N, C-alpha and C. Protein backbone atom coordinates (compact mmCIF):
# COMPACT_ATOMS: atom_id res chain seq x y z
N MET A 1 -5.77 3.45 20.64
CA MET A 1 -5.98 2.40 19.65
C MET A 1 -4.62 1.81 19.63
N PRO A 2 -4.58 0.62 19.58
CA PRO A 2 -3.85 -0.56 20.27
C PRO A 2 -2.36 -0.63 19.40
N ASP A 3 -3.46 -1.05 17.99
CA ASP A 3 -2.20 -1.38 17.08
C ASP A 3 -2.62 -0.17 15.92
N LYS A 4 -0.88 0.43 16.32
CA LYS A 4 -0.95 1.58 15.53
C LYS A 4 -0.71 1.50 13.97
N PRO A 5 -1.58 2.78 13.22
CA PRO A 5 -2.40 2.92 11.55
C PRO A 5 -1.57 3.35 11.12
N LEU A 6 -1.10 2.11 9.39
CA LEU A 6 0.37 3.30 8.98
C LEU A 6 -0.87 3.65 7.42
N LEU A 7 0.58 3.85 6.75
CA LEU A 7 0.19 4.17 4.99
C LEU A 7 1.79 3.73 4.30
N VAL A 8 0.70 2.90 3.43
CA VAL A 8 2.10 2.23 3.00
C VAL A 8 1.63 2.39 1.56
N VAL A 9 2.72 2.92 1.07
CA VAL A 9 2.57 3.52 -0.89
C VAL A 9 3.89 2.53 -1.40
N SER A 10 2.83 2.10 -2.68
CA SER A 10 3.60 1.34 -4.15
C SER A 10 3.36 2.30 -4.77
N ALA A 11 4.08 1.88 -6.25
CA ALA A 11 3.77 2.14 -7.15
C ALA A 11 3.32 1.35 -7.84
N PHE A 12 2.45 1.28 -9.20
CA PHE A 12 2.58 0.23 -9.72
C PHE A 12 2.36 0.50 -11.31
N PRO A 13 2.41 -0.18 -12.10
CA PRO A 13 2.86 -0.30 -13.67
C PRO A 13 1.41 0.79 -14.77
N ASP A 14 0.38 0.27 -14.09
CA ASP A 14 -0.60 0.21 -14.40
C ASP A 14 -1.52 0.60 -12.89
N ALA A 15 -3.51 1.42 -13.98
CA ALA A 15 -4.46 1.38 -12.45
C ALA A 15 -4.98 -0.35 -12.47
N GLU A 16 -4.51 -0.84 -13.14
CA GLU A 16 -6.00 -2.18 -13.29
C GLU A 16 -4.99 -3.08 -13.13
N ALA A 17 -3.49 -2.92 -12.40
CA ALA A 17 -2.81 -3.72 -11.80
C ALA A 17 -2.74 -3.45 -10.61
N ALA A 18 -3.29 -1.59 -9.86
CA ALA A 18 -3.16 -1.87 -8.80
C ALA A 18 -3.71 -1.56 -8.50
N ARG A 19 -5.12 -1.88 -9.13
CA ARG A 19 -7.31 -2.04 -9.12
C ARG A 19 -6.86 -3.44 -8.64
N THR A 20 -6.53 -4.48 -9.37
CA THR A 20 -6.53 -5.80 -9.06
C THR A 20 -5.97 -6.49 -7.82
N ALA A 21 -4.90 -5.58 -7.02
CA ALA A 21 -3.22 -5.72 -5.96
C ALA A 21 -4.34 -4.81 -4.96
N ILE A 22 -5.22 -3.79 -5.18
CA ILE A 22 -5.98 -3.41 -3.65
C ILE A 22 -7.23 -4.20 -3.52
N ARG A 23 -7.71 -4.89 -4.19
CA ARG A 23 -9.26 -5.34 -4.20
C ARG A 23 -8.64 -6.41 -3.18
N THR A 24 -8.04 -7.13 -4.39
CA THR A 24 -7.42 -9.00 -3.18
C THR A 24 -6.82 -8.69 -1.59
N LEU A 25 -6.04 -7.33 -1.70
CA LEU A 25 -5.81 -7.10 0.04
C LEU A 25 -6.94 -5.93 0.73
N LEU A 26 -8.27 -5.61 0.48
CA LEU A 26 -9.37 -4.97 0.54
C LEU A 26 -10.12 -7.27 1.18
N SER A 27 -10.07 -7.27 0.00
CA SER A 27 -10.79 -8.72 0.78
C SER A 27 -10.87 -9.62 1.26
N GLU A 28 -8.80 -9.12 1.12
CA GLU A 28 -8.17 -10.41 2.89
C GLU A 28 -7.71 -9.20 4.18
N ARG A 29 -8.82 -8.30 3.75
CA ARG A 29 -8.69 -7.70 5.69
C ARG A 29 -7.13 -7.15 5.67
N LEU A 30 -6.17 -7.15 4.79
CA LEU A 30 -4.76 -6.56 5.09
C LEU A 30 -5.17 -4.96 4.89
N ALA A 31 -5.47 -3.91 4.23
CA ALA A 31 -5.92 -2.99 4.45
C ALA A 31 -7.31 -2.16 4.80
N ALA A 32 -7.38 -1.05 5.10
CA ALA A 32 -8.73 -0.69 4.65
C ALA A 32 -9.25 0.22 3.28
N CYS A 33 -8.40 0.67 3.22
CA CYS A 33 -8.92 1.87 1.69
C CYS A 33 -7.30 1.25 1.03
N GLY A 34 -7.93 1.50 -0.14
CA GLY A 34 -6.31 1.93 -1.44
C GLY A 34 -6.98 2.91 -1.80
N THR A 35 -6.18 4.46 -2.34
CA THR A 35 -6.47 5.46 -2.87
C THR A 35 -5.28 4.86 -4.43
N LEU A 36 -5.49 4.72 -5.75
CA LEU A 36 -4.92 5.16 -6.66
C LEU A 36 -5.05 6.82 -6.66
N LEU A 37 -3.86 7.03 -7.56
CA LEU A 37 -2.99 7.77 -7.96
C LEU A 37 -2.38 7.78 -8.78
N ALA A 38 -3.02 8.16 -10.48
CA ALA A 38 -2.67 7.84 -11.89
C ALA A 38 -2.12 8.95 -12.26
N GLY A 39 -1.46 8.73 -13.35
CA GLY A 39 -0.16 9.50 -13.83
C GLY A 39 0.69 9.94 -13.71
N ALA A 40 1.13 9.08 -12.06
CA ALA A 40 2.57 9.54 -12.00
C ALA A 40 3.55 9.39 -12.71
N GLU A 41 4.06 10.05 -12.06
CA GLU A 41 5.77 9.64 -13.41
C GLU A 41 7.00 9.76 -12.06
N SER A 42 7.49 8.53 -12.72
CA SER A 42 8.61 8.15 -11.58
C SER A 42 10.27 8.45 -12.44
N LEU A 43 11.32 8.83 -12.05
CA LEU A 43 12.55 9.00 -12.33
C LEU A 43 13.27 8.09 -11.46
N TYR A 44 14.43 7.07 -12.05
CA TYR A 44 15.21 6.47 -10.71
C TYR A 44 16.06 6.26 -11.49
N THR A 45 16.87 5.44 -10.98
CA THR A 45 18.40 4.28 -11.22
C THR A 45 18.18 3.15 -10.66
N TRP A 46 18.54 2.25 -12.49
CA TRP A 46 17.59 1.31 -12.16
C TRP A 46 18.81 0.27 -12.95
N LYS A 47 19.41 -0.47 -12.94
CA LYS A 47 20.80 -0.87 -12.87
C LYS A 47 21.88 -0.37 -13.56
N GLY A 48 22.27 0.53 -13.30
CA GLY A 48 22.69 1.85 -14.09
C GLY A 48 22.27 3.17 -14.36
N GLN A 49 21.05 2.99 -15.27
CA GLN A 49 20.89 3.83 -16.04
C GLN A 49 20.02 4.10 -15.32
N VAL A 50 19.58 6.11 -15.29
CA VAL A 50 18.21 6.32 -15.18
C VAL A 50 16.82 5.96 -16.31
N GLU A 51 16.35 5.94 -15.37
CA GLU A 51 14.85 5.40 -15.79
C GLU A 51 13.59 6.27 -15.75
N THR A 52 12.56 6.75 -16.68
CA THR A 52 11.78 7.15 -16.36
C THR A 52 9.85 6.07 -16.50
N SER A 53 9.11 6.70 -15.95
CA SER A 53 7.82 5.26 -16.03
C SER A 53 7.15 6.80 -15.80
N ARG A 54 5.51 5.99 -16.66
CA ARG A 54 4.89 6.52 -15.86
C ARG A 54 4.17 5.60 -14.93
N GLU A 55 3.22 5.61 -14.11
CA GLU A 55 3.02 4.48 -13.00
C GLU A 55 1.47 5.02 -12.36
N THR A 56 0.81 4.04 -11.29
CA THR A 56 -0.24 4.83 -10.66
C THR A 56 0.03 4.47 -9.14
N LEU A 57 0.64 5.44 -8.70
CA LEU A 57 0.71 5.33 -7.27
C LEU A 57 -0.37 5.07 -6.35
N VAL A 58 -0.28 4.36 -5.20
CA VAL A 58 -1.06 3.65 -4.29
C VAL A 58 -1.07 3.65 -3.19
N LEU A 59 -1.45 4.49 -2.04
CA LEU A 59 -2.17 4.80 -0.70
C LEU A 59 -2.45 3.67 0.10
N LEU A 60 -1.77 3.09 0.73
CA LEU A 60 -2.74 1.96 1.82
C LEU A 60 -2.77 2.43 2.56
N LYS A 61 -4.37 2.00 3.28
CA LYS A 61 -4.30 2.43 4.77
C LYS A 61 -4.58 1.22 5.30
N THR A 62 -3.64 1.53 6.44
CA THR A 62 -3.81 -0.81 7.85
C THR A 62 -3.11 -0.26 8.69
N LEU A 63 -2.91 -1.18 9.33
CA LEU A 63 -2.32 -1.69 10.70
C LEU A 63 -0.79 -2.37 10.34
N GLU A 64 -0.17 -1.11 12.02
CA GLU A 64 0.92 -2.13 11.91
C GLU A 64 1.55 -3.63 12.33
N GLY A 65 -0.12 -4.06 12.72
CA GLY A 65 0.35 -6.10 12.95
C GLY A 65 -0.39 -6.04 11.30
N CYS A 66 -1.10 -5.95 10.91
CA CYS A 66 -0.73 -6.06 9.41
C CYS A 66 0.33 -6.30 8.01
N TYR A 67 0.80 -4.71 8.86
CA TYR A 67 2.04 -4.82 7.70
C TYR A 67 2.63 -6.00 7.36
N PRO A 68 3.60 -7.21 8.03
CA PRO A 68 4.12 -8.71 7.32
C PRO A 68 3.64 -8.79 6.46
N ALA A 69 2.18 -9.19 6.27
CA ALA A 69 1.84 -10.09 6.02
C ALA A 69 0.99 -9.23 4.85
N LEU A 70 0.74 -8.17 4.56
CA LEU A 70 0.44 -7.06 3.54
C LEU A 70 1.47 -7.00 2.93
N GLU A 71 3.21 -6.23 2.78
CA GLU A 71 4.32 -6.28 2.02
C GLU A 71 4.72 -7.80 1.65
N GLN A 72 4.05 -8.98 2.67
CA GLN A 72 4.50 -10.13 1.75
C GLN A 72 3.16 -10.53 0.65
N ARG A 73 2.14 -9.79 0.84
CA ARG A 73 1.12 -10.46 -0.42
C ARG A 73 1.48 -8.95 -1.37
N LEU A 74 1.75 -8.00 -0.93
CA LEU A 74 2.17 -7.10 -1.98
C LEU A 74 3.64 -7.40 -2.99
N ARG A 75 4.09 -8.81 -2.54
CA ARG A 75 5.58 -8.61 -3.37
C ARG A 75 4.97 -10.49 -4.08
N GLN A 76 3.57 -10.95 -4.00
CA GLN A 76 3.24 -12.00 -4.23
C GLN A 76 2.54 -11.24 -5.72
N LEU A 77 1.17 -10.27 -5.47
CA LEU A 77 0.90 -9.00 -6.15
C LEU A 77 1.49 -8.33 -7.53
N HIS A 78 3.01 -8.34 -6.97
CA HIS A 78 3.02 -7.48 -7.99
C HIS A 78 4.00 -7.78 -9.27
N SER A 79 4.18 -6.70 -10.29
CA SER A 79 5.05 -7.65 -10.82
C SER A 79 6.65 -6.95 -11.02
N TYR A 80 6.69 -5.87 -10.31
CA TYR A 80 7.39 -5.44 -10.54
C TYR A 80 9.52 -6.23 -9.68
N GLU A 81 10.29 -6.01 -10.52
CA GLU A 81 11.16 -7.22 -9.26
C GLU A 81 11.69 -6.52 -8.22
N ILE A 82 11.70 -5.59 -7.35
CA ILE A 82 11.72 -5.03 -6.49
C ILE A 82 10.67 -3.87 -6.12
N PRO A 83 9.68 -3.87 -6.13
CA PRO A 83 8.51 -3.38 -5.61
C PRO A 83 8.80 -2.53 -4.75
N GLU A 84 8.28 -1.08 -4.52
CA GLU A 84 8.13 0.31 -3.61
C GLU A 84 7.30 -0.36 -2.81
N ILE A 85 7.16 -0.45 -1.65
CA ILE A 85 6.89 -0.97 -0.58
C ILE A 85 7.37 -0.45 0.76
N ILE A 86 6.39 0.59 1.17
CA ILE A 86 7.30 1.77 1.65
C ILE A 86 5.90 2.45 3.67
N GLY A 87 6.37 1.60 4.50
CA GLY A 87 5.22 1.87 5.54
C GLY A 87 5.47 3.41 6.70
N VAL A 88 4.80 3.97 6.38
CA VAL A 88 4.96 4.90 7.47
C VAL A 88 3.91 5.61 8.09
N GLU A 89 4.28 5.46 10.06
CA GLU A 89 3.65 5.31 10.52
C GLU A 89 2.44 6.96 10.89
N ILE A 90 0.97 6.82 10.93
CA ILE A 90 0.23 7.83 11.06
C ILE A 90 0.55 7.84 12.18
N SER A 91 0.77 9.53 12.56
CA SER A 91 0.93 9.78 14.30
C SER A 91 -0.67 10.81 14.94
N ARG A 92 -1.34 11.28 13.68
CA ARG A 92 -2.92 11.46 13.65
C ARG A 92 -3.37 11.45 13.15
N GLY A 93 -4.71 11.94 13.59
CA GLY A 93 -5.88 11.67 12.28
C GLY A 93 -7.30 12.11 12.64
N ASN A 94 -8.00 11.67 12.35
CA ASN A 94 -9.19 11.86 12.92
C ASN A 94 -9.83 10.71 13.45
N PRO A 95 -10.02 11.10 14.60
CA PRO A 95 -10.38 9.37 15.57
C PRO A 95 -11.52 8.72 14.87
N LYS A 96 -12.60 8.76 14.29
CA LYS A 96 -13.30 8.21 13.50
C LYS A 96 -12.83 7.39 12.78
N TYR A 97 -11.58 8.03 11.66
CA TYR A 97 -11.37 7.02 10.22
C TYR A 97 -10.64 6.27 10.58
N LEU A 98 -9.65 6.89 11.85
CA LEU A 98 -8.63 5.81 12.93
C LEU A 98 -9.07 4.74 13.11
N GLU A 99 -11.11 4.79 13.22
CA GLU A 99 -11.80 3.55 14.24
C GLU A 99 -11.86 2.44 13.15
N TRP A 100 -12.69 3.26 12.39
CA TRP A 100 -12.94 2.49 11.27
C TRP A 100 -11.32 1.79 10.72
N LEU A 101 -10.69 2.22 10.28
CA LEU A 101 -9.54 1.91 9.62
C LEU A 101 -9.28 0.20 11.11
N ALA A 102 -8.84 0.49 11.39
CA ALA A 102 -8.70 -0.52 13.07
C ALA A 102 -10.03 -1.79 12.38
N ALA A 103 -11.01 -0.84 12.67
CA ALA A 103 -12.44 -1.71 12.70
C ALA A 103 -12.62 -2.66 11.22
N SER A 104 -12.22 -1.93 10.05
CA SER A 104 -11.71 -2.97 8.92
C SER A 104 -10.84 -3.49 8.48
N CYS A 105 -9.43 -2.99 9.17
CA CYS A 105 -8.58 -4.50 9.21
C CYS A 105 -8.59 -5.92 10.32
N GLY A 106 -8.41 -7.09 9.39
CA GLY A 106 -8.38 -8.54 9.93
C GLY A 106 -7.29 -8.71 10.57
N CYS A 107 -6.25 -8.35 11.48
CA CYS A 107 -4.85 -8.21 11.36
C CYS A 107 -4.24 -8.45 12.98
N PRO A 108 -3.74 -9.19 13.12
CA PRO A 108 -3.30 -9.52 14.75
C PRO A 108 -2.72 -7.77 15.12
N ALA A 109 -2.81 -7.56 16.55
CA ALA A 109 -2.01 -6.76 17.39
C ALA A 109 -1.53 -6.55 17.99
């Protein structure tokens, strides 16, 4: 596979915001799939305080070549001041799924 597959993780304030972002990324072919995990609880430090938030976690499947544009677009779509956007290389996977992923993204290799 010429372009490495990536799993990109991001958290949104609610499922509707997550769905809107995923639909945009899919329509722009920056991601092949987005999975919503609603009801996540995040604990974190923010501006010197420990905060707790209910969030919707999103798992995006994309390619390394798409990452720069995907990250930029996620920043535009996101309501958070500093959104969580973490890319993790997928080292193994169902070959047919990874082929589909690569064919579904329209990014430079």
